[in-house]
All heavy atoms as atom14 arrays in JSON, in Angstrom:
{
  "sequence": "FIARKVMAALDRPFMVEGRELEVGGSVGVAFDGGCCSLPDDLLSRAD",
  "atom14_mask": [
    [1, 1, 1, 1, 1, 1, 1, 1, 1, 1, 1, 0, 0, 0],
    [1, 1, 1, 1, 1, 1, 1, 1, 0, 0, 0, 0, 0, 0],
    [1, 1, 1, 1, 1, 0, 0, 0, 0, 0, 0, 0, 0, 0],
    [1, 1, 1, 1, 1, 1, 1, 1, 1, 1, 1, 0, 0, 0],
    [1, 1, 1, 1, 1, 1, 1, 1, 1, 0, 0, 0, 0, 0],
    [1, 1, 1, 1, 1, 1, 1, 0, 0, 0, 0, 0, 0, 0],
    [1, 1, 1, 1, 1, 1, 1, 1, 0, 0, 0, 0, 0, 0],
    [1, 1, 1, 1, 1, 0, 0, 0, 0, 0, 0, 0, 0, 0],
    [1, 1, 1, 1, 1, 0, 0, 0, 0, 0, 0, 0, 0, 0],
    [1, 1, 1, 1, 1, 1, 1, 1, 0, 0, 0, 0, 0, 0],
    [1, 1, 1, 1, 1, 1, 1, 1, 0, 0, 0, 0, 0, 0],
    [1, 1, 1, 1, 1, 1, 1, 1, 1, 1, 1, 0, 0, 0],
    [1, 1, 1, 1, 1, 1, 1, 0, 0, 0, 0, 0, 0, 0],
    [1, 1, 1, 1, 1, 1, 1, 1, 1, 1, 1, 0, 0, 0],
    [1, 1, 1, 1, 1, 1, 1, 1, 0, 0, 0, 0, 0, 0],
    [1, 1, 1, 1, 1, 1, 1, 0, 0, 0, 0, 0, 0, 0],
    [1, 1, 1, 1, 1, 1, 1, 1, 1, 0, 0, 0, 0, 0],
    [1, 1, 1, 1, 0, 0, 0, 0, 0, 0, 0, 0, 0, 0],
    [1, 1, 1, 1, 1, 1, 1, 1, 1, 1, 1, 0, 0, 0],
    [1, 1, 1, 1, 1, 1, 1, 1, 1, 0, 0, 0, 0, 0],
    [1, 1, 1, 1, 1, 1, 1, 1, 0, 0, 0, 0, 0, 0],
    [1, 1, 1, 1, 1, 1, 1, 1, 1, 0, 0, 0, 0, 0],
    [1, 1, 1, 1, 1, 1, 1, 0, 0, 0, 0, 0, 0, 0],
    [1, 1, 1, 1, 0, 0, 0, 0, 0, 0, 0, 0, 0, 0],
    [1, 1, 1, 1, 0, 0, 0, 0, 0, 0, 0, 0, 0, 0],
    [1, 1, 1, 1, 1, 1, 0, 0, 0, 0, 0, 0, 0, 0],
    [1, 1, 1, 1, 1, 1, 1, 0, 0, 0, 0, 0, 0, 0],
    [1, 1, 1, 1, 0, 0, 0, 0, 0, 0, 0, 0, 0, 0],
    [1, 1, 1, 1, 1, 1, 1, 0, 0, 0, 0, 0, 0, 0],
    [1, 1, 1, 1, 1, 0, 0, 0, 0, 0, 0, 0, 0, 0],
    [1, 1, 1, 1, 1, 1, 1, 1, 1, 1, 1, 0, 0, 0],
    [1, 1, 1, 1, 1, 1, 1, 1, 0, 0, 0, 0, 0, 0],
    [1, 1, 1, 1, 0, 0, 0, 0, 0, 0, 0, 0, 0, 0],
    [1, 1, 1, 1, 0, 0, 0, 0, 0, 0, 0, 0, 0, 0],
    [1, 1, 1, 1, 1, 1, 0, 0, 0, 0, 0, 0, 0, 0],
    [1, 1, 1, 1, 1, 1, 0, 0, 0, 0, 0, 0, 0, 0],
    [1, 1, 1, 1, 1, 1, 0, 0, 0, 0, 0, 0, 0, 0],
    [1, 1, 1, 1, 1, 1, 1, 1, 0, 0, 0, 0, 0, 0],
    [1, 1, 1, 1, 1, 1, 1, 0, 0, 0, 0, 0, 0, 0],
    [1, 1, 1, 1, 1, 1, 1, 1, 0, 0, 0, 0, 0, 0],
    [1, 1, 1, 1, 1, 1, 1, 1, 0, 0, 0, 0, 0, 0],
    [1, 1, 1, 1, 1, 1, 1, 1, 0, 0, 0, 0, 0, 0],
    [1, 1, 1, 1, 1, 1, 1, 1, 0, 0, 0, 0, 0, 0],
    [1, 1, 1, 1, 1, 1, 0, 0, 0, 0, 0, 0, 0, 0],
    [1, 1, 1, 1, 1, 1, 1, 1, 1, 1, 1, 0, 0, 0],
    [1, 1, 1, 1, 1, 0, 0, 0, 0, 0, 0, 0, 0, 0],
    [1, 1, 1, 1, 1, 1, 1, 1, 0, 0, 0, 0, 0, 0]
  ],
  "atom14_positions": [
    [[-5.39, 6.33, -7.27], [-6.43, 6.85, -6.36], [-6.49, 6.02, -5.11], [-6.53, 6.48, -3.99], [-7.79, 6.9, -7.08], [-8.88, 7.26, -6.18], [-9.15, 8.56, -5.88], [-9.75, 6.3, -5.68], [-10.16, 8.97, -5.03], [-10.8, 6.65, -4.84], [-11.01, 7.95, -4.51], [0.0, 0.0, 0.0], [0.0, 0.0, 0.0], [0.0, 0.0, 0.0]],
    [[-6.49, 4.71, -5.27], [-6.61, 3.79, -4.1], [-5.28, 3.85, -3.27], [-5.37, 3.87, -2.04], [-6.91, 2.36, -4.61], [-8.27, 2.34, -5.25], [-6.8, 1.35, -3.39], [-8.58, 1.03, -6.03], [0.0, 0.0, 0.0], [0.0, 0.0, 0.0], [0.0, 0.0, 0.0], [0.0, 0.0, 0.0], [0.0, 0.0, 0.0], [0.0, 0.0, 0.0]],
    [[-4.18, 3.99, -3.92], [-2.92, 4.13, -3.18], [-2.96, 5.4, -2.34], [-2.43, 5.39, -1.19], [-1.73, 4.13, -4.16], [0.0, 0.0, 0.0], [0.0, 0.0, 0.0], [0.0, 0.0, 0.0], [0.0, 0.0, 0.0], [0.0, 0.0, 0.0], [0.0, 0.0, 0.0], [0.0, 0.0, 0.0], [0.0, 0.0, 0.0], [0.0, 0.0, 0.0]],
    [[-3.51, 6.42, -2.85], [-3.59, 7.68, -2.07], [-4.53, 7.51, -0.86], [-4.26, 8.0, 0.2], [-4.11, 8.86, -2.89], [-3.07, 9.42, -3.85], [-3.57, 10.64, -4.6], [-2.62, 10.95, -5.68], [-2.68, 10.45, -6.88], [-3.68, 9.67, -7.26], [-1.84, 10.77, -7.81], [0.0, 0.0, 0.0], [0.0, 0.0, 0.0], [0.0, 0.0, 0.0]],
    [[-5.63, 6.73, -1.06], [-6.53, 6.44, 0.1], [-5.76, 5.62, 1.15], [-5.9, 5.88, 2.35], [-7.72, 5.63, -0.39], [-8.82, 6.46, -1.02], [-10.02, 5.67, -1.34], [-10.75, 5.07, -0.18], [-11.95, 4.36, -0.49], [0.0, 0.0, 0.0], [0.0, 0.0, 0.0], [0.0, 0.0, 0.0], [0.0, 0.0, 0.0], [0.0, 0.0, 0.0]],
    [[-4.98, 4.6, 0.72], [-4.22, 3.83, 1.64], [-3.25, 4.68, 2.36], [-3.12, 4.56, 3.61], [-3.52, 2.67, 0.87], [-2.41, 1.96, 1.72], [-4.46, 1.64, 0.39], [0.0, 0.0, 0.0], [0.0, 0.0, 0.0], [0.0, 0.0, 0.0], [0.0, 0.0, 0.0], [0.0, 0.0, 0.0], [0.0, 0.0, 0.0], [0.0, 0.0, 0.0]],
    [[-2.58, 5.55, 1.68], [-1.53, 6.36, 2.3], [-2.18, 7.33, 3.36], [-1.62, 7.45, 4.47], [-0.73, 7.19, 1.27], [0.06, 6.42, 0.29], [1.15, 5.2, 0.96], [2.2, 6.25, 2.0], [0.0, 0.0, 0.0], [0.0, 0.0, 0.0], [0.0, 0.0, 0.0], [0.0, 0.0, 0.0], [0.0, 0.0, 0.0], [0.0, 0.0, 0.0]],
    [[-3.33, 7.86, 3.02], [-4.06, 8.74, 3.99], [-4.42, 7.93, 5.22], [-4.34, 8.46, 6.36], [-5.26, 9.32, 3.28], [0.0, 0.0, 0.0], [0.0, 0.0, 0.0], [0.0, 0.0, 0.0], [0.0, 0.0, 0.0], [0.0, 0.0, 0.0], [0.0, 0.0, 0.0], [0.0, 0.0, 0.0], [0.0, 0.0, 0.0], [0.0, 0.0, 0.0]],
    [[-4.91, 6.72, 5.03], [-5.35, 5.92, 6.16], [-4.16, 5.56, 7.09], [-4.25, 5.51, 8.3], [-5.98, 4.58, 5.7], [0.0, 0.0, 0.0], [0.0, 0.0, 0.0], [0.0, 0.0, 0.0], [0.0, 0.0, 0.0], [0.0, 0.0, 0.0], [0.0, 0.0, 0.0], [0.0, 0.0, 0.0], [0.0, 0.0, 0.0], [0.0, 0.0, 0.0]],
    [[-3.0, 5.25, 6.47], [-1.81, 4.9, 7.27], [-1.12, 6.13, 7.89], [-0.36, 5.95, 8.83], [-0.86, 4.14, 6.34], [-1.38, 2.82, 5.8], [-0.3, 2.24, 4.9], [-1.73, 1.88, 6.88], [0.0, 0.0, 0.0], [0.0, 0.0, 0.0], [0.0, 0.0, 0.0], [0.0, 0.0, 0.0], [0.0, 0.0, 0.0], [0.0, 0.0, 0.0]],
    [[-1.38, 7.32, 7.33], [-0.7, 8.51, 7.85], [-1.2, 8.98, 9.17], [-0.6, 9.7, 9.89], [-0.8, 9.61, 6.75], [0.21, 10.72, 6.99], [1.33, 10.37, 7.41], [-0.14, 11.89, 6.75], [0.0, 0.0, 0.0], [0.0, 0.0, 0.0], [0.0, 0.0, 0.0], [0.0, 0.0, 0.0], [0.0, 0.0, 0.0], [0.0, 0.0, 0.0]],
    [[-2.52, 8.62, 9.47], [-3.04, 9.02, 10.77], [-2.27, 8.24, 11.91], [-1.87, 7.09, 11.76], [-4.55, 8.65, 10.87], [-5.4, 9.31, 9.84], [-6.9, 9.14, 10.08], [-7.21, 7.75, 10.47], [-7.65, 6.83, 9.6], [-7.79, 7.07, 8.29], [-7.95, 5.61, 10.08], [0.0, 0.0, 0.0], [0.0, 0.0, 0.0], [0.0, 0.0, 0.0]],
    [[-2.12, 8.94, 13.06], [-1.45, 8.22, 14.19], [-2.18, 6.99, 14.57], [-3.44, 6.95, 14.5], [-1.5, 9.28, 15.27], [-1.67, 10.6, 14.62], [-2.48, 10.31, 13.43], [0.0, 0.0, 0.0], [0.0, 0.0, 0.0], [0.0, 0.0, 0.0], [0.0, 0.0, 0.0], [0.0, 0.0, 0.0], [0.0, 0.0, 0.0], [0.0, 0.0, 0.0]],
    [[-1.4, 5.98, 14.97], [-1.99, 4.71, 15.48], [-2.09, 4.8, 16.95], [-1.11, 5.11, 17.62], [-1.05, 3.56, 15.1], [-1.07, 3.08, 13.68], [-1.13, 3.94, 12.62], [-1.17, 1.72, 13.46], [-1.18, 3.42, 11.28], [-1.18, 1.22, 12.14], [-1.21, 2.07, 11.06], [0.0, 0.0, 0.0], [0.0, 0.0, 0.0], [0.0, 0.0, 0.0]],
    [[-3.27, 4.55, 17.54], [-3.43, 4.44, 18.99], [-3.37, 2.94, 19.28], [-4.36, 2.23, 19.02], [-4.71, 5.16, 19.4], [-4.79, 5.2, 20.93], [-3.4, 6.18, 21.58], [-4.2, 7.59, 22.19], [0.0, 0.0, 0.0], [0.0, 0.0, 0.0], [0.0, 0.0, 0.0], [0.0, 0.0, 0.0], [0.0, 0.0, 0.0], [0.0, 0.0, 0.0]],
    [[-2.3, 2.45, 19.86], [-2.14, 1.03, 20.14], [-1.76, 0.85, 21.57], [-0.77, 1.42, 22.03], [-1.1, 0.44, 19.14], [-0.94, -1.06, 19.44], [-1.47, 0.66, 17.73], [0.0, 0.0, 0.0], [0.0, 0.0, 0.0], [0.0, 0.0, 0.0], [0.0, 0.0, 0.0], [0.0, 0.0, 0.0], [0.0, 0.0, 0.0], [0.0, 0.0, 0.0]],
    [[-2.56, 0.09, 22.31], [-2.32, -0.2, 23.69], [-1.99, 1.02, 24.49], [-1.03, 1.11, 25.29], [-1.11, -1.25, 23.82], [-1.49, -2.59, 23.19], [-0.39, -3.64, 23.34], [0.54, -3.39, 24.11], [-0.55, -4.69, 22.73], [0.0, 0.0, 0.0], [0.0, 0.0, 0.0], [0.0, 0.0, 0.0], [0.0, 0.0, 0.0], [0.0, 0.0, 0.0]],
    [[-2.78, 2.08, 24.25], [-2.63, 3.32, 25.04], [-1.54, 4.19, 24.58], [-1.3, 5.29, 25.18], [0.0, 0.0, 0.0], [0.0, 0.0, 0.0], [0.0, 0.0, 0.0], [0.0, 0.0, 0.0], [0.0, 0.0, 0.0], [0.0, 0.0, 0.0], [0.0, 0.0, 0.0], [0.0, 0.0, 0.0], [0.0, 0.0, 0.0], [0.0, 0.0, 0.0]],
    [[-0.85, 3.83, 23.5], [0.29, 4.68, 23.0], [-0.11, 5.2, 21.6], [-0.62, 4.46, 20.77], [1.59, 3.87, 22.86], [2.16, 3.47, 24.19], [3.45, 2.74, 23.88], [4.08, 2.26, 25.02], [5.05, 2.87, 25.66], [5.55, 3.95, 25.2], [5.6, 2.35, 26.75], [0.0, 0.0, 0.0], [0.0, 0.0, 0.0], [0.0, 0.0, 0.0]],
    [[0.27, 6.44, 21.37], [0.12, 6.98, 20.0], [1.4, 6.78, 19.29], [2.49, 7.22, 19.73], [-0.27, 8.47, 20.08], [-0.55, 9.07, 18.76], [-1.04, 10.51, 18.86], [-2.09, 10.75, 19.46], [-0.37, 11.39, 18.35], [0.0, 0.0, 0.0], [0.0, 0.0, 0.0], [0.0, 0.0, 0.0], [0.0, 0.0, 0.0], [0.0, 0.0, 0.0]],
    [[1.32, 6.12, 18.1], [2.53, 5.87, 17.36], [2.38, 6.43, 15.9], [1.32, 6.36, 15.36], [2.76, 4.31, 17.19], [2.9, 3.49, 18.5], [2.97, 2.04, 18.14], [4.2, 3.95, 19.18], [0.0, 0.0, 0.0], [0.0, 0.0, 0.0], [0.0, 0.0, 0.0], [0.0, 0.0, 0.0], [0.0, 0.0, 0.0], [0.0, 0.0, 0.0]],
    [[3.44, 7.01, 15.43], [3.52, 7.36, 14.02], [4.06, 6.15, 13.25], [5.23, 5.8, 13.46], [4.45, 8.57, 13.79], [3.94, 9.83, 14.5], [2.66, 10.39, 13.88], [2.46, 10.28, 12.63], [1.84, 10.94, 14.66], [0.0, 0.0, 0.0], [0.0, 0.0, 0.0], [0.0, 0.0, 0.0], [0.0, 0.0, 0.0], [0.0, 0.0, 0.0]],
    [[3.29, 5.47, 12.47], [3.72, 4.27, 11.84], [3.97, 4.46, 10.3], [5.13, 4.49, 9.96], [2.62, 3.15, 12.07], [3.01, 1.88, 11.34], [2.43, 2.89, 13.56], [0.0, 0.0, 0.0], [0.0, 0.0, 0.0], [0.0, 0.0, 0.0], [0.0, 0.0, 0.0], [0.0, 0.0, 0.0], [0.0, 0.0, 0.0], [0.0, 0.0, 0.0]],
    [[2.93, 4.59, 9.53], [3.13, 4.82, 8.12], [3.5, 3.55, 7.35], [3.84, 2.53, 7.92], [0.0, 0.0, 0.0], [0.0, 0.0, 0.0], [0.0, 0.0, 0.0], [0.0, 0.0, 0.0], [0.0, 0.0, 0.0], [0.0, 0.0, 0.0], [0.0, 0.0, 0.0], [0.0, 0.0, 0.0], [0.0, 0.0, 0.0], [0.0, 0.0, 0.0]],
    [[3.38, 3.67, 6.05], [3.76, 2.55, 5.18], [4.2, 3.05, 3.81], [4.02, 4.17, 3.45], [0.0, 0.0, 0.0], [0.0, 0.0, 0.0], [0.0, 0.0, 0.0], [0.0, 0.0, 0.0], [0.0, 0.0, 0.0], [0.0, 0.0, 0.0], [0.0, 0.0, 0.0], [0.0, 0.0, 0.0], [0.0, 0.0, 0.0], [0.0, 0.0, 0.0]],
    [[4.8, 2.1, 3.15], [5.29, 2.38, 1.73], [4.52, 1.42, 0.86], [4.24, 0.3, 1.25], [6.78, 2.15, 1.62], [7.45, 3.04, 2.43], [0.0, 0.0, 0.0], [0.0, 0.0, 0.0], [0.0, 0.0, 0.0], [0.0, 0.0, 0.0], [0.0, 0.0, 0.0], [0.0, 0.0, 0.0], [0.0, 0.0, 0.0], [0.0, 0.0, 0.0]],
    [[4.16, 1.9, -0.35], [3.33, 1.08, -1.25], [3.92, 1.07, -2.67], [4.41, 2.06, -3.2], [1.93, 1.74, -1.39], [1.07, 1.02, -2.34], [1.23, 1.9, 0.01], [0.0, 0.0, 0.0], [0.0, 0.0, 0.0], [0.0, 0.0, 0.0], [0.0, 0.0, 0.0], [0.0, 0.0, 0.0], [0.0, 0.0, 0.0], [0.0, 0.0, 0.0]],
    [[4.02, -0.15, -3.15], [4.39, -0.4, -4.56], [3.24, -0.88, -5.35], [2.54, -1.72, -4.91], [0.0, 0.0, 0.0], [0.0, 0.0, 0.0], [0.0, 0.0, 0.0], [0.0, 0.0, 0.0], [0.0, 0.0, 0.0], [0.0, 0.0, 0.0], [0.0, 0.0, 0.0], [0.0, 0.0, 0.0], [0.0, 0.0, 0.0], [0.0, 0.0, 0.0]],
    [[2.99, -0.29, -6.57], [1.81, -0.65, -7.34], [2.25, -1.16, -8.67], [3.09, -0.47, -9.35], [0.92, 0.56, -7.53], [-0.34, 0.21, -8.34], [0.44, 1.16, -6.18], [0.0, 0.0, 0.0], [0.0, 0.0, 0.0], [0.0, 0.0, 0.0], [0.0, 0.0, 0.0], [0.0, 0.0, 0.0], [0.0, 0.0, 0.0], [0.0, 0.0, 0.0]],
    [[1.77, -2.24, -9.11], [1.94, -2.76, -10.48], [0.6, -2.76, -11.15], [-0.43, -3.22, -10.57], [2.5, -4.16, -10.49], [0.0, 0.0, 0.0], [0.0, 0.0, 0.0], [0.0, 0.0, 0.0], [0.0, 0.0, 0.0], [0.0, 0.0, 0.0], [0.0, 0.0, 0.0], [0.0, 0.0, 0.0], [0.0, 0.0, 0.0], [0.0, 0.0, 0.0]],
    [[0.54, -2.18, -12.38], [-0.74, -2.11, -13.08], [-0.53, -2.51, -14.54], [0.45, -2.1, -15.15], [-1.24, -0.65, -13.03], [-2.49, -0.48, -13.83], [-3.72, -0.94, -13.3], [-2.52, 0.22, -15.03], [-4.89, -0.73, -14.01], [-3.72, 0.43, -15.67], [-4.88, -0.11, -15.22], [0.0, 0.0, 0.0], [0.0, 0.0, 0.0], [0.0, 0.0, 0.0]],
    [[-1.4, -3.39, -15.02], [-1.25, -3.84, -16.38], [-2.52, -3.53, -17.22], [-2.6, -3.87, -18.4], [-0.95, -5.33, -16.39], [-2.1, -6.27, -16.2], [-3.18, -5.74, -15.76], [-1.94, -7.46, -16.39], [0.0, 0.0, 0.0], [0.0, 0.0, 0.0], [0.0, 0.0, 0.0], [0.0, 0.0, 0.0], [0.0, 0.0, 0.0], [0.0, 0.0, 0.0]],
    [[-3.55, -2.89, -16.65], [-4.69, -2.48, -17.46], [-5.5, -3.63, -18.03], [-6.07, -3.53, -19.04], [0.0, 0.0, 0.0], [0.0, 0.0, 0.0], [0.0, 0.0, 0.0], [0.0, 0.0, 0.0], [0.0, 0.0, 0.0], [0.0, 0.0, 0.0], [0.0, 0.0, 0.0], [0.0, 0.0, 0.0], [0.0, 0.0, 0.0], [0.0, 0.0, 0.0]],
    [[-5.49, -4.8, -17.34], [-6.28, -5.87, -17.83], [-5.58, -6.67, -18.9], [-6.19, -7.49, -19.6], [0.0, 0.0, 0.0], [0.0, 0.0, 0.0], [0.0, 0.0, 0.0], [0.0, 0.0, 0.0], [0.0, 0.0, 0.0], [0.0, 0.0, 0.0], [0.0, 0.0, 0.0], [0.0, 0.0, 0.0], [0.0, 0.0, 0.0], [0.0, 0.0, 0.0]],
    [[-4.31, -6.43, -19.1], [-3.54, -7.06, -20.17], [-3.36, -8.57, -19.88], [-4.28, -9.29, -19.75], [-2.17, -6.37, -20.31], [-1.17, -6.95, -21.66], [0.0, 0.0, 0.0], [0.0, 0.0, 0.0], [0.0, 0.0, 0.0], [0.0, 0.0, 0.0], [0.0, 0.0, 0.0], [0.0, 0.0, 0.0], [0.0, 0.0, 0.0], [0.0, 0.0, 0.0]],
    [[-2.16, -8.99, -19.82], [-1.89, -10.45, -19.7], [-0.78, -10.75, -18.7], [-0.13, -11.82, -18.87], [-1.59, -10.98, -21.08], [-0.34, -9.97, -21.87], [0.0, 0.0, 0.0], [0.0, 0.0, 0.0], [0.0, 0.0, 0.0], [0.0, 0.0, 0.0], [0.0, 0.0, 0.0], [0.0, 0.0, 0.0], [0.0, 0.0, 0.0], [0.0, 0.0, 0.0]],
    [[-0.53, -9.94, -17.73], [0.55, -10.19, -16.8], [0.17, -11.38, -15.89], [-0.97, -11.55, -15.46], [0.79, -8.95, -15.91], [1.28, -7.9, -16.64], [0.0, 0.0, 0.0], [0.0, 0.0, 0.0], [0.0, 0.0, 0.0], [0.0, 0.0, 0.0], [0.0, 0.0, 0.0], [0.0, 0.0, 0.0], [0.0, 0.0, 0.0], [0.0, 0.0, 0.0]],
    [[1.18, -12.2, -15.59], [0.98, -13.32, -14.68], [1.1, -12.74, -13.23], [1.8, -11.76, -13.04], [2.1, -14.36, -14.9], [2.04, -15.05, -16.22], [3.26, -15.94, -16.43], [0.74, -15.84, -16.41], [0.0, 0.0, 0.0], [0.0, 0.0, 0.0], [0.0, 0.0, 0.0], [0.0, 0.0, 0.0], [0.0, 0.0, 0.0], [0.0, 0.0, 0.0]],
    [[0.44, -13.41, -12.27], [0.47, -12.93, -10.91], [1.83, -12.75, -10.34], [2.18, -11.74, -9.66], [-0.27, -13.97, -10.13], [-1.26, -14.57, -11.17], [-0.48, -14.52, -12.45], [0.0, 0.0, 0.0], [0.0, 0.0, 0.0], [0.0, 0.0, 0.0], [0.0, 0.0, 0.0], [0.0, 0.0, 0.0], [0.0, 0.0, 0.0], [0.0, 0.0, 0.0]],
    [[2.78, -13.67, -10.63], [4.15, -13.55, -10.15], [4.79, -12.35, -10.72], [5.61, -11.69, -10.03], [4.95, -14.83, -10.47], [4.59, -16.0, -9.59], [3.9, -15.79, -8.54], [4.98, -17.12, -9.91], [0.0, 0.0, 0.0], [0.0, 0.0, 0.0], [0.0, 0.0, 0.0], [0.0, 0.0, 0.0], [0.0, 0.0, 0.0], [0.0, 0.0, 0.0]],
    [[4.55, -12.08, -12.0], [5.17, -10.88, -12.6], [4.64, -9.55, -12.0], [5.38, -8.65, -11.72], [4.85, -10.83, -14.13], [5.57, -11.94, -14.87], [6.56, -12.48, -14.39], [5.02, -12.28, -15.95], [0.0, 0.0, 0.0], [0.0, 0.0, 0.0], [0.0, 0.0, 0.0], [0.0, 0.0, 0.0], [0.0, 0.0, 0.0], [0.0, 0.0, 0.0]],
    [[3.31, -9.52, -11.7], [2.72, -8.31, -11.05], [3.32, -8.15, -9.67], [3.7, -7.03, -9.29], [1.21, -8.46, -10.95], [0.45, -8.22, -12.29], [-1.06, -8.54, -12.09], [0.59, -6.75, -12.66], [0.0, 0.0, 0.0], [0.0, 0.0, 0.0], [0.0, 0.0, 0.0], [0.0, 0.0, 0.0], [0.0, 0.0, 0.0], [0.0, 0.0, 0.0]],
    [[3.44, -9.26, -8.92], [3.99, -9.15, -7.54], [5.43, -8.67, -7.59], [5.81, -7.79, -6.81], [3.85, -10.46, -6.88], [4.18, -10.49, -5.38], [3.29, -9.48, -4.61], [3.97, -11.87, -4.8], [0.0, 0.0, 0.0], [0.0, 0.0, 0.0], [0.0, 0.0, 0.0], [0.0, 0.0, 0.0], [0.0, 0.0, 0.0], [0.0, 0.0, 0.0]],
    [[6.2, -9.18, -8.53], [7.58, -8.78, -8.63], [7.7, -7.29, -9.01], [8.51, -6.56, -8.44], [8.27, -9.62, -9.72], [9.6, -9.2, -9.94], [0.0, 0.0, 0.0], [0.0, 0.0, 0.0], [0.0, 0.0, 0.0], [0.0, 0.0, 0.0], [0.0, 0.0, 0.0], [0.0, 0.0, 0.0], [0.0, 0.0, 0.0], [0.0, 0.0, 0.0]],
    [[6.87, -6.84, -9.92], [6.9, -5.38, -10.24], [6.39, -4.54, -9.12], [6.91, -3.44, -8.93], [6.07, -5.14, -11.55], [6.83, -5.63, -12.81], [6.27, -5.22, -14.09], [4.92, -5.82, -14.18], [3.84, -5.18, -14.62], [3.88, -4.01, -15.04], [2.68, -5.85, -14.68], [0.0, 0.0, 0.0], [0.0, 0.0, 0.0], [0.0, 0.0, 0.0]],
    [[5.38, -4.98, -8.35], [4.93, -4.31, -7.23], [6.0, -4.17, -6.18], [6.19, -3.13, -5.54], [3.64, -4.89, -6.67], [0.0, 0.0, 0.0], [0.0, 0.0, 0.0], [0.0, 0.0, 0.0], [0.0, 0.0, 0.0], [0.0, 0.0, 0.0], [0.0, 0.0, 0.0], [0.0, 0.0, 0.0], [0.0, 0.0, 0.0], [0.0, 0.0, 0.0]],
    [[6.74, -5.24, -6.0], [7.87, -5.25, -5.05], [8.92, -4.22, -5.47], [9.48, -3.49, -4.68], [8.44, -6.71, -4.92], [9.48, -6.81, -3.85], [9.25, -6.29, -2.74], [10.53, -7.48, -4.07], [0.0, 0.0, 0.0], [0.0, 0.0, 0.0], [0.0, 0.0, 0.0], [0.0, 0.0, 0.0], [0.0, 0.0, 0.0], [0.0, 0.0, 0.0]]
  ]
}
């Protein structure tokens, strides 16, 4: 749900220094449901 919100926010044109730019982003999500993943493991999976 949060990733969809992020994608919607990034999908709108960027108005930067008087120029309209189509920017966009790509998102990787790692989720462990409160289990026991270490931060480095989560970051690696998100990457």
